[in-house]
PDB file of N, CA and C in Angstrom:
ATOM      1  N   MET A   1     136.205 100.772 153.927  1.00  0.00           N
ATOM      2  CA  MET A   1     135.086  99.334 153.495  1.00  0.00           C
ATOM      3  C   MET A   1     136.137  98.892 152.425  1.00  0.00           C
ATOM      4  N   LYS A   2     136.331  97.769 152.386  1.00  0.00           N
ATOM      5  CA  LYS A   2     136.693  96.891 151.692  1.00  0.00           C
ATOM      6  C   LYS A   2     136.046  96.170 151.321  1.00  0.00           C
ATOM      7  N   ILE A   3     136.224  96.090 149.874  1.00  0.00           N
ATOM      8  CA  ILE A   3     135.275  94.786 148.920  1.00  0.00           C
ATOM      9  C   ILE A   3     135.891  93.711 148.819  1.00  0.00           C
ATOM     10  N   SER A   4     135.194  92.632 149.220  1.00  0.00           N
ATOM     11  CA  SER A   4     135.763  91.791 148.842  1.00  0.00           C
ATOM     12  C   SER A   4     136.004  91.305 147.728  1.00  0.00           C
ATOM     13  N   LYS A   5     136.666  90.198 147.502  1.00  0.00           N
ATOM     14  CA  LYS A   5     137.159  89.435 145.897  1.00  0.00           C
ATOM     15  C   LYS A   5     135.591  89.001 145.600  1.00  0.00           C
ATOM     16  N   LYS A   6     135.610  88.168 146.563  1.00  0.00           N
ATOM     17  CA  LYS A   6     134.017  87.034 146.189  1.00  0.00           C
ATOM     18  C   LYS A   6     133.192  87.774 145.574  1.00  0.00           C
ATOM     19  N   PHE A   7     132.761  89.336 146.439  1.00  0.00           N
ATOM     20  CA  PHE A   7     131.142  89.989 146.185  1.00  0.00           C
ATOM     21  C   PHE A   7     132.102  90.520 144.617  1.00  0.00           C
ATOM     22  N   PHE A   8     132.760  91.221 144.502  1.00  0.00           N
ATOM     23  CA  PHE A   8     133.499  92.017 143.039  1.00  0.00           C
ATOM     24  C   PHE A   8     133.645  91.163 142.178  1.00  0.00           C
ATOM     25  N   PHE A   9     133.645  89.640 142.072  1.00  0.00           N
ATOM     26  CA  PHE A   9     133.607  88.905 141.023  1.00  0.00           C
ATOM     27  C   PHE A   9     131.982  88.603 140.578  1.00  0.00           C
ATOM     28  N   LYS A  10     130.941  88.179 141.835  1.00  0.00           N
ATOM     29  CA  LYS A  10     130.164  87.916 141.975  1.00  0.00           C
ATOM     30  C   LYS A  10     129.417  89.549 141.125  1.00  0.00           C
ATOM     31  N   ALA A  11     129.695  91.032 141.836  1.00  0.00           N
ATOM     32  CA  ALA A  11     129.449  91.986 140.863  1.00  0.00           C
ATOM     33  C   ALA A  11     129.646  92.190 139.486  1.00  0.00           C
ATOM     34  N   LEU A  12     130.670  91.525 139.012  1.00  0.00           N
ATOM     35  CA  LEU A  12     131.202  91.394 137.571  1.00  0.00           C
ATOM     36  C   LEU A  12     130.703  90.491 137.265  1.00  0.00           C
ATOM     37  N   LEU A  13     130.349  89.227 136.768  1.00  0.00           N
ATOM     38  CA  LEU A  13     129.568  87.780 136.639  1.00  0.00           C
ATOM     39  C   LEU A  13     128.029  88.603 136.394  1.00  0.00           C
ATOM     40  N   LEU A  14     127.319  89.787 137.495  1.00  0.00           N
ATOM     41  CA  LEU A  14     126.165  89.851 137.187  1.00  0.00           C
ATOM     42  C   LEU A  14     125.847  90.823 136.495  1.00  0.00           C
ATOM     43  N   GLY A  15     126.191  91.889 136.275  1.00  0.00           N
ATOM     44  CA  GLY A  15     126.530  92.766 135.020  1.00  0.00           C
ATOM     45  C   GLY A  15     127.111  92.573 133.787  1.00  0.00           C
ATOM     46  N   LEU A  16     127.747  91.422 133.639  1.00  0.00           N
ATOM     47  CA  LEU A  16     128.130  90.886 132.419  1.00  0.00           C
ATOM     48  C   LEU A  16     127.363  89.891 132.209  1.00  0.00           C
ATOM     49  N   PHE A  17     126.619  89.290 133.103  1.00  0.00           N
ATOM     50  CA  PHE A  17     125.401  89.001 132.426  1.00  0.00           C
ATOM     51  C   PHE A  17     124.283  89.811 131.694  1.00  0.00           C
ATOM     52  N   PHE A  18     124.282  90.999 132.394  1.00  0.00           N
ATOM     53  CA  PHE A  18     122.878  91.807 132.067  1.00  0.00           C
ATOM     54  C   PHE A  18     123.961  92.267 130.828  1.00  0.00           C
ATOM     55  N   ILE A  19     124.396  92.633 130.739  1.00  0.00           N
ATOM     56  CA  ILE A  19     125.427  93.623 129.157  1.00  0.00           C
ATOM     57  C   ILE A  19     124.854  92.387 128.010  1.00  0.00           C
ATOM     58  N   ILE A  20     125.390  91.134 128.743  1.00  0.00           N
ATOM     59  CA  ILE A  20     124.898  89.988 127.341  1.00  0.00           C
ATOM     60  C   ILE A  20     123.489  89.681 127.084  1.00  0.00           C
ATOM     61  N   LEU A  21     122.965  90.358 128.066  1.00  0.00           N
ATOM     62  CA  LEU A  21     121.520  90.304 128.064  1.00  0.00           C
ATOM     63  C   LEU A  21     120.906  91.139 127.233  1.00  0.00           C
ATOM     64  N   VAL A  22     121.688  91.952 127.470  1.00  0.00           N
ATOM     65  CA  VAL A  22     121.202  93.556 126.913  1.00  0.00           C
ATOM     66  C   VAL A  22     121.454  93.709 125.189  1.00  0.00           C
ATOM     67  N   VAL A  23     122.739  92.929 125.056  1.00  0.00           N
ATOM     68  CA  VAL A  23     123.193  93.135 123.363  1.00  0.00           C
ATOM     69  C   VAL A  23     122.671  91.497 122.441  1.00  0.00           C
ATOM     70  N   SER A  24     122.086  90.485 123.476  1.00  0.00           N
ATOM     71  CA  SER A  24     121.499  89.266 122.635  1.00  0.00           C
ATOM     72  C   SER A  24     119.822  90.037 122.348  1.00  0.00           C
ATOM     73  N   TRP A  25     119.377  90.637 123.068  1.00  0.00           N
ATOM     74  CA  TRP A  25     117.734  91.779 123.030  1.00  0.00           C
ATOM     75  C   TRP A  25     118.272  92.402 122.003  1.00  0.00           C
ATOM     76  N   LEU A  26     119.205  93.379 121.953  1.00  0.00           N
ATOM     77  CA  LEU A  26     119.351  94.108 120.551  1.00  0.00           C
ATOM     78  C   LEU A  26     120.127  93.722 119.352  1.00  0.00           C
ATOM     79  N   ALA A  27     120.529  91.993 119.745  1.00  0.00           N
ATOM     80  CA  ALA A  27     120.744  91.443 117.944  1.00  0.00           C
ATOM     81  C   ALA A  27     119.527  90.594 118.034  1.00  0.00           C
ATOM     82  N   PHE A  28     118.906  90.225 118.475  1.00  0.00           N
ATOM     83  CA  PHE A  28     117.687  89.065 118.053  1.00  0.00           C
ATOM     84  C   PHE A  28     116.621  88.905 118.240  1.00  0.00           C
ATOM     85  N   GLY A  29     116.163  90.360 118.823  1.00  0.00           N
ATOM     86  CA  GLY A  29     115.037  90.845 119.530  1.00  0.00           C
ATOM     87  C   GLY A  29     113.938  91.299 118.315  1.00  0.00           C
ATOM     88  N   ASP A  30     112.683  91.169 118.378  1.00  0.00           N
ATOM     89  CA  ASP A  30     111.968  91.688 117.491  1.00  0.00           C
ATOM     90  C   ASP A  30     112.603  92.554 116.312  1.00  0.00           C
ATOM     91  N   ARG A  31     112.825  93.610 117.066  1.00  0.00           N
ATOM     92  CA  ARG A  31     113.748  95.135 116.139  1.00  0.00           C
ATOM     93  C   ARG A  31     114.906  95.761 116.302  1.00  0.00           C
ATOM     94  N   GLY A  32     115.405  93.865 116.213  1.00  0.00           N
ATOM     95  CA  GLY A  32     117.031  93.960 116.631  1.00  0.00           C
ATOM     96  C   GLY A  32     117.988  94.208 115.339  1.00  0.00           C
ATOM     97  N   PHE A  33     119.137  93.655 115.510  1.00  0.00           N
ATOM     98  CA  PHE A  33     120.037  94.164 114.710  1.00  0.00           C
ATOM     99  C   PHE A  33     119.980  93.574 113.455  1.00  0.00           C
ATOM    100  N   ILE A  34     119.492  92.464 114.039  1.00  0.00           N
ATOM    101  CA  ILE A  34     119.461  91.442 112.867  1.00  0.00           C
ATOM    102  C   ILE A  34     118.614  91.785 110.888  1.00  0.00           C
ATOM    103  N   TYR A  35     117.173  91.396 112.453  1.00  0.00           N
ATOM    104  CA  TYR A  35     115.842  92.316 111.934  1.00  0.00           C
ATOM    105  C   TYR A  35     116.245  93.401 111.277  1.00  0.00           C
ATOM    106  N   LEU A  36     116.802  94.685 111.355  1.00  0.00           N
ATOM    107  CA  LEU A  36     117.000  95.367 110.641  1.00  0.00           C
ATOM    108  C   LEU A  36     118.148  95.457 109.348  1.00  0.00           C
ATOM    109  N   TYR A  37     118.780  94.041 109.617  1.00  0.00           N
ATOM    110  CA  TYR A  37     119.805  94.072 108.306  1.00  0.00           C
ATOM    111  C   TYR A  37     118.729  93.392 107.034  1.00  0.00           C
ATOM    112  N   ARG A  38     117.921  92.150 107.909  1.00  0.00           N
ATOM    113  CA  ARG A  38     117.003  91.807 106.748  1.00  0.00           C
ATOM    114  C   ARG A  38     116.207  92.938 106.333  1.00  0.00           C
ATOM    115  N   MET A  39     115.948  93.846 106.997  1.00  0.00           N
ATOM    116  CA  MET A  39     114.794  94.583 106.385  1.00  0.00           C
ATOM    117  C   MET A  39     115.922  95.876 105.428  1.00  0.00           C
ATOM    118  N   ASP A  40     116.779  95.894 105.579  1.00  0.00           N
ATOM    119  CA  ASP A  40     117.745  96.809 104.567  1.00  0.00           C
ATOM    120  C   ASP A  40     117.763  96.251 103.343  1.00  0.00           C
ATOM    121  N   ARG A  41     118.371  94.886 103.354  1.00  0.00           N
ATOM    122  CA  ARG A  41     118.341  93.790 102.329  1.00  0.00           C
ATOM    123  C   ARG A  41     117.414  93.872 101.283  1.00  0.00           C
ATOM    124  N   GLU A  42     116.324  93.883 102.223  1.00  0.00           N
ATOM    125  CA  GLU A  42     114.678  93.874 101.339  1.00  0.00           C
ATOM    126  C   GLU A  42     114.464  95.283 100.668  1.00  0.00           C
ATOM    127  N   ARG A  43     114.623  96.341 101.222  1.00  0.00           N
ATOM    128  CA  ARG A  43     114.535  97.719 100.721  1.00  0.00           C
ATOM    129  C   ARG A  43     115.543  97.766  99.147  1.00  0.00           C
ATOM    130  N   GLN A  44     116.894  97.192  99.337  1.00  0.00           N
ATOM    131  CA  GLN A  44     117.611  96.872  98.810  1.00  0.00           C
ATOM    132  C   GLN A  44     117.279  96.399  97.291  1.00  0.00           C
ATOM    133  N   ASP A  45     116.591  95.196  98.211  1.00  0.00           N
ATOM    134  CA  ASP A  45     116.189  94.312  96.451  1.00  0.00           C
ATOM    135  C   ASP A  45     115.488  94.854  95.683  1.00  0.00           C
ATOM    136  N   TYR A  46     114.021  95.544  96.652  1.00  0.00           N
ATOM    137  CA  TYR A  46     113.290  96.644  95.983  1.00  0.00           C
ATOM    138  C   TYR A  46     113.403  97.449  95.340  1.00  0.00           C
ATOM    139  N   LEU A  47     114.508  98.518  96.190  1.00  0.00           N
ATOM    140  CA  LEU A  47     115.435  99.373  95.282  1.00  0.00           C
ATOM    141  C   LEU A  47     115.361  99.545  93.176  1.00  0.00           C
ATOM    142  N   GLU A  48     116.564  97.913  93.340  1.00  0.00           N
ATOM    143  CA  GLU A  48     116.496  97.258  92.450  1.00  0.00           C
ATOM    144  C   GLU A  48     115.692  97.234  91.132  1.00  0.00           C
ATOM    145  N   ARG A  49     114.773  96.132  91.738  1.00  0.00           N
ATOM    146  CA  ARG A  49     113.494  96.364  91.124  1.00  0.00           C
ATOM    147  C   ARG A  49     112.714  96.955  90.402  1.00  0.00           C
ATOM    148  N   ILE A  50     112.534  98.265  91.260  1.00  0.00           N
ATOM    149  CA  ILE A  50     112.050  99.229  91.115  1.00  0.00           C
ATOM    150  C   ILE A  50     113.060  99.954  89.606  1.00  0.00           C
ATOM    151  N   GLN A  51     114.246  99.888  89.913  1.00  0.00           N
ATOM    152  CA  GLN A  51     115.041 100.673  88.652  1.00  0.00           C
ATOM    153  C   GLN A  51     114.871  99.685  87.393  1.00  0.00           C
ATOM    154  N   LYS A  52     115.103  98.710  87.448  1.00  0.00           N
ATOM    155  CA  LYS A  52     114.614  97.540  86.582  1.00  0.00           C
ATOM    156  C   LYS A  52     113.329  97.980  85.954  1.00  0.00           C
ATOM    157  N   LEU A  53     112.356  98.295  86.713  1.00  0.00           N
ATOM    158  CA  LEU A  53     110.933  98.840  86.224  1.00  0.00           C
ATOM    159  C   LEU A  53     111.586  99.801  85.893  1.00  0.00           C
ATOM    160  N   GLU A  54     111.594 100.752  86.120  1.00  0.00           N
ATOM    161  CA  GLU A  54     111.656 102.248  85.254  1.00  0.00           C
ATOM    162  C   GLU A  54     112.381 102.221  84.312  1.00  0.00           C
ATOM    163  N   ALA A  55     113.788 101.180  83.788  1.00  0.00           N
ATOM    164  CA  ALA A  55     114.390 101.139  82.924  1.00  0.00           C
ATOM    165  C   ALA A  55     113.276 100.828  81.975  1.00  0.00           C
ATOM    166  N   SER A  56     112.725  99.288  82.282  1.00  0.00           N
ATOM    167  CA  SER A  56     112.081  98.878  81.377  1.00  0.00           C
ATOM    168  C   SER A  56     110.235  99.938  80.924  1.00  0.00           C
ATOM    169  N   ASN A  57     110.000 100.867  81.518  1.00  0.00           N
ATOM    170  CA  ASN A  57     109.237 101.262  81.663  1.00  0.00           C
ATOM    171  C   ASN A  57     109.578 102.219  80.636  1.00  0.00           C
ATOM    172  N   GLN A  58     110.901 102.706  80.237  1.00  0.00           N
ATOM    173  CA  GLN A  58     111.654 103.905  79.663  1.00  0.00           C
ATOM    174  C   GLN A  58     111.283 103.488  77.832  1.00  0.00           C
ATOM    175  N   ARG A  59     112.526 101.904  77.875  1.00  0.00           N
ATOM    176  CA  ARG A  59     112.522 101.253  76.827  1.00  0.00           C
ATOM    177  C   ARG A  59     111.249 100.912  75.956  1.00  0.00           C
ATOM    178  N   LEU A  60     109.608 101.067  77.087  1.00  0.00           N
ATOM    179  CA  LEU A  60     108.373 101.169  76.178  1.00  0.00           C
ATOM    180  C   LEU A  60     108.017 102.410  75.876  1.00  0.00           C
ATOM    181  N   LYS A  61     108.385 103.070  76.656  1.00  0.00           N
ATOM    182  CA  LYS A  61     108.000 104.260  76.298  1.00  0.00           C
ATOM    183  C   LYS A  61     108.152 104.996  74.828  1.00  0.00           C
ATOM    184  N   ASP A  62     110.103 104.534  74.703  1.00  0.00           N
ATOM    185  CA  ASP A  62     110.704 104.968  73.445  1.00  0.00           C
ATOM    186  C   ASP A  62     109.836 104.490  72.371  1.00  0.00           C
ATOM    187  N   GLU A  63     109.855 103.149  72.617  1.00  0.00           N
ATOM    188  CA  GLU A  63     109.186 102.219  71.865  1.00  0.00           C
ATOM    189  C   GLU A  63     108.053 102.842  70.917  1.00  0.00           C
ATOM    190  N   ILE A  64     106.614 103.208  71.708  1.00  0.00           N
ATOM    191  CA  ILE A  64     105.834 103.968  72.390  1.00  0.00           C
ATOM    192  C   ILE A  64     105.747 105.300  71.111  1.00  0.00           C
ATOM    193  N   ASP A  65     107.091 105.985  71.316  1.00  0.00           N
ATOM    194  CA  ASP A  65     107.664 107.109  70.619  1.00  0.00           C
ATOM    195  C   ASP A  65     107.606 106.873  69.031  1.00  0.00           C
ATOM    196  N   ARG A  66     108.369 105.962  68.914  1.00  0.00           N
ATOM    197  CA  ARG A  66     109.025 105.467  67.691  1.00  0.00           C
ATOM    198  C   ARG A  66     107.960 105.018  66.682  1.00  0.00           C
ATOM    199  N   LEU A  67     106.888 104.223  67.294  1.00  0.00           N
ATOM    200  CA  LEU A  67     105.708 103.531  66.723  1.00  0.00           C
ATOM    201  C   LEU A  67     104.634 104.843  66.257  1.00  0.00           C
ATOM    202  N   ARG A  68     104.856 105.624  67.029  1.00  0.00           N
ATOM    203  CA  ARG A  68     103.640 106.740  66.439  1.00  0.00           C
ATOM    204  C   ARG A  68     104.293 107.967  65.570  1.00  0.00           C
ATOM    205  N   SER A  69     105.683 107.811  65.725  1.00  0.00           N
ATOM    206  CA  SER A  69     106.378 108.716  64.641  1.00  0.00           C
ATOM    207  C   SER A  69     106.996 107.803  63.464  1.00  0.00           C
ATOM    208  N   ASP A  70     107.823 107.450  63.614  1.00  0.00           N
ATOM    209  CA  ASP A  70     108.765 106.628  62.468  1.00  0.00           C
ATOM    210  C   ASP A  70     108.292 105.579  62.014  1.00  0.00           C
ATOM    211  N   ARG A  71     107.921 105.970  60.679  1.00  0.00           N
ATOM    212  CA  ARG A  71     107.069 104.392  59.134  1.00  0.00           C
ATOM    213  C   ARG A  71     107.795 104.065  58.999  1.00  0.00           C
ATOM    214  N   ASP A  72     109.196 104.297  59.414  1.00  0.00           N
ATOM    215  CA  ASP A  72     110.261 102.821  58.519  1.00  0.00           C
ATOM    216  C   ASP A  72     110.487 101.781  59.655  1.00  0.00           C
ATOM    217  N   TYR A  73     110.058 102.530  60.989  1.00  0.00           N
ATOM    218  CA  TYR A  73     110.469 101.702  61.949  1.00  0.00           C
ATOM    219  C   TYR A  73     108.882 101.078  62.427  1.00  0.00           C
ATOM    220  N   ILE A  74     107.912 101.737  61.980  1.00  0.00           N
ATOM    221  CA  ILE A  74     106.135 100.808  61.777  1.00  0.00           C
ATOM    222  C   ILE A  74     106.654  99.350  60.399  1.00  0.00           C
ATOM    223  N   GLU A  75     107.050 100.231  59.377  1.00  0.00           N
ATOM    224  CA  GLU A  75     107.090  98.953  58.687  1.00  0.00           C
ATOM    225  C   GLU A  75     108.413  97.860  59.114  1.00  0.00           C
ATOM    226  N   GLU A  76     109.568  98.390  59.588  1.00  0.00           N
ATOM    227  CA  GLU A  76     110.368  97.366  60.264  1.00  0.00           C
ATOM    228  C   GLU A  76     109.209  96.328  61.154  1.00  0.00           C
ATOM    229  N   THR A  77     108.918  96.718  62.313  1.00  0.00           N
ATOM    230  CA  THR A  77     107.995  95.978  63.200  1.00  0.00           C
ATOM    231  C   THR A  77     106.843  95.160  62.694  1.00  0.00           C
ATOM    232  N   ALA A  78     106.092  95.755  61.388  1.00  0.00           N
ATOM    233  CA  ALA A  78     105.188  94.719  60.741  1.00  0.00           C
ATOM    234  C   ALA A  78     105.852  94.074  60.506  1.00  0.00           C
ATOM    235  N   ARG A  79     107.207  93.989  60.062  1.00  0.00           N
ATOM    236  CA  ARG A  79     107.211  92.974  58.822  1.00  0.00           C
ATOM    237  C   ARG A  79     108.075  91.504  60.030  1.00  0.00           C
ATOM    238  N   LYS A  80     108.419  92.055  60.739  1.00  0.00           N
ATOM    239  CA  LYS A  80     109.155  91.369  61.687  1.00  0.00           C
ATOM    240  C   LYS A  80     107.970  90.191  62.659  1.00  0.00           C
ATOM    241  N   GLU A  81     107.532  91.389  63.213  1.00  0.00           N
ATOM    242  CA  GLU A  81     105.885  90.710  63.918  1.00  0.00           C
ATOM    243  C   GLU A  81     105.397  89.462  63.039  1.00  0.00           C
ATOM    244  N   LEU A  82     104.471  90.592  62.478  1.00  0.00           N
ATOM    245  CA  LEU A  82     103.711  90.050  61.527  1.00  0.00           C
ATOM    246  C   LEU A  82     103.541  89.237  60.154  1.00  0.00           C
ATOM    247  N   GLY A  83     105.145  89.297  59.740  1.00  0.00           N
ATOM    248  CA  GLY A  83     105.261  88.584  58.426  1.00  0.00           C
ATOM    249  C   GLY A  83     104.877  89.592  57.201  1.00  0.00           C
ATOM    250  N   LEU A  84     104.419  90.785  57.219  1.00  0.00           N
ATOM    251  CA  LEU A  84     104.153  91.469  55.909  1.00  0.00           C
ATOM    252  C   LEU A  84     105.031  91.811  55.039  1.00  0.00           C
ATOM    253  N   VAL A  85     103.925  91.889  53.647  1.00  0.00           N
ATOM    254  CA  VAL A  85     106.017  91.685  52.879  1.00  0.00           C
ATOM    255  C   VAL A  85     104.767  92.703  51.833  1.00  0.00           C
ATOM    256  N   LYS A  86     105.568  94.040  50.944  1.00  0.00           N
ATOM    257  CA  LYS A  86     105.406  94.941  50.152  1.00  0.00           C
ATOM    258  C   LYS A  86     104.487  94.231  48.850  1.00  0.00           C
ATOM    259  N   ASP A  87     103.843  94.810  48.053  1.00  0.00           N
ATOM    260  CA  ASP A  87     103.349  94.419  46.649  1.00  0.00           C
ATOM    261  C   ASP A  87     104.750  94.124  46.077  1.00  0.00           C
ATOM    262  N   ASN A  88     104.580  92.750  44.821  1.00  0.00           N
ATOM    263  CA  ASN A  88     105.833  92.166  44.178  1.00  0.00           C
ATOM    264  C   ASN A  88     106.350  91.893  45.190  1.00  0.00           C
ATOM    265  N   GLU A  89     106.458  91.574  46.321  1.00  0.00           N
ATOM    266  CA  GLU A  89     107.594  91.031  47.326  1.00  0.00           C
ATOM    267  C   GLU A  89     107.563  89.709  47.317  1.00  0.00           C
ATOM    268  N   VAL A  90     108.547  88.755  47.077  1.00  0.00           N
ATOM    269  CA  VAL A  90     109.330  87.734  47.457  1.00  0.00           C
ATOM    270  C   VAL A  90     109.767  87.426  48.582  1.00  0.00           C
ATOM    271  N   ILE A  91     108.444  86.248  49.301  1.00  0.00           N
ATOM    272  CA  ILE A  91     109.875  85.849  50.743  1.00  0.00           C
ATOM    273  C   ILE A  91     110.500  84.271  50.466  1.00  0.00           C
ATOM    274  N   TYR A  92     111.412  84.150  50.959  1.00  0.00           N
ATOM    275  CA  TYR A  92     112.020  83.210  50.812  1.00  0.00           C
ATOM    276  C   TYR A  92     112.785  82.265  51.871  1.00  0.00           C
ATOM    277  N   ARG A  93     111.777  81.449  52.388  1.00  0.00           N
ATOM    278  CA  ARG A  93     112.382  80.773  54.062  1.00  0.00           C
ATOM    279  C   ARG A  93     113.060  79.484  53.720  1.00  0.00           C
ATOM    280  N   PHE A  94     113.847  79.533  53.650  1.00  0.00           N
ATOM    281  CA  PHE A  94     114.913  78.176  53.861  1.00  0.00           C
ATOM    282  C   PHE A  94     114.993  77.451  55.087  1.00  0.00           C
ATOM    283  N   THR A  95     115.041  76.220  54.617  1.00  0.00           N
ATOM    284  CA  THR A  95     114.940  75.015  55.767  1.00  0.00           C
ATOM    285  C   THR A  95     116.780  74.609  55.804  1.00  0.00           C
ATOM    286  N   GLU A  96     116.515  74.099  56.803  1.00  0.00           N
ATOM    287  CA  GLU A  96     118.079  72.694  56.697  1.00  0.00           C
ATOM    288  C   GLU A  96     117.251  71.318  57.564  1.00  0.00           C
ATOM    289  N   ASP A  97     117.623  70.700  55.978  1.00  0.00           N
ATOM    290  CA  ASP A  97     117.092  69.195  55.973  1.00  0.00           C
ATOM    291  C   ASP A  97     118.221  68.587  56.780  1.00  0.00           C
ATOM    292  N   ASP A  98     117.940  67.706  57.848  1.00  0.00           N
ATOM    293  CA  ASP A  98     118.534  66.496  59.185  1.00  0.00           C
ATOM    294  C   ASP A  98     119.057  65.768  58.087  1.00  0.00           C
ATOM    295  N   LYS A  99     120.096  65.493  58.059  1.00  0.00           N
ATOM    296  CA  LYS A  99     120.823  64.331  57.063  1.00  0.00           C
ATOM    297  C   LYS A  99     122.159  63.842  58.379  1.00  0.00           C
TER     298      LYS A  99
END
């Protein structure tokens, strides 16, 4: 049994068409490779955001611990944020004149 070139060519084109169709579906389908890539990028963005928030939380916890236990830090913070001064202490504020 001899297969003609015309039949072989048609079968090859049909097979190639189905392969292209399957690859397109895998790449661009609802759960295809592009969707997976986007979800992976989104996951990475969330992981980075979580790491930043955890670092920020740790800094805040450290500051809370210092405010609870370090009297010098409490004084420094009160002076900086509230402008408090000790008794018999004078604050000089200098401004630049626009000339």
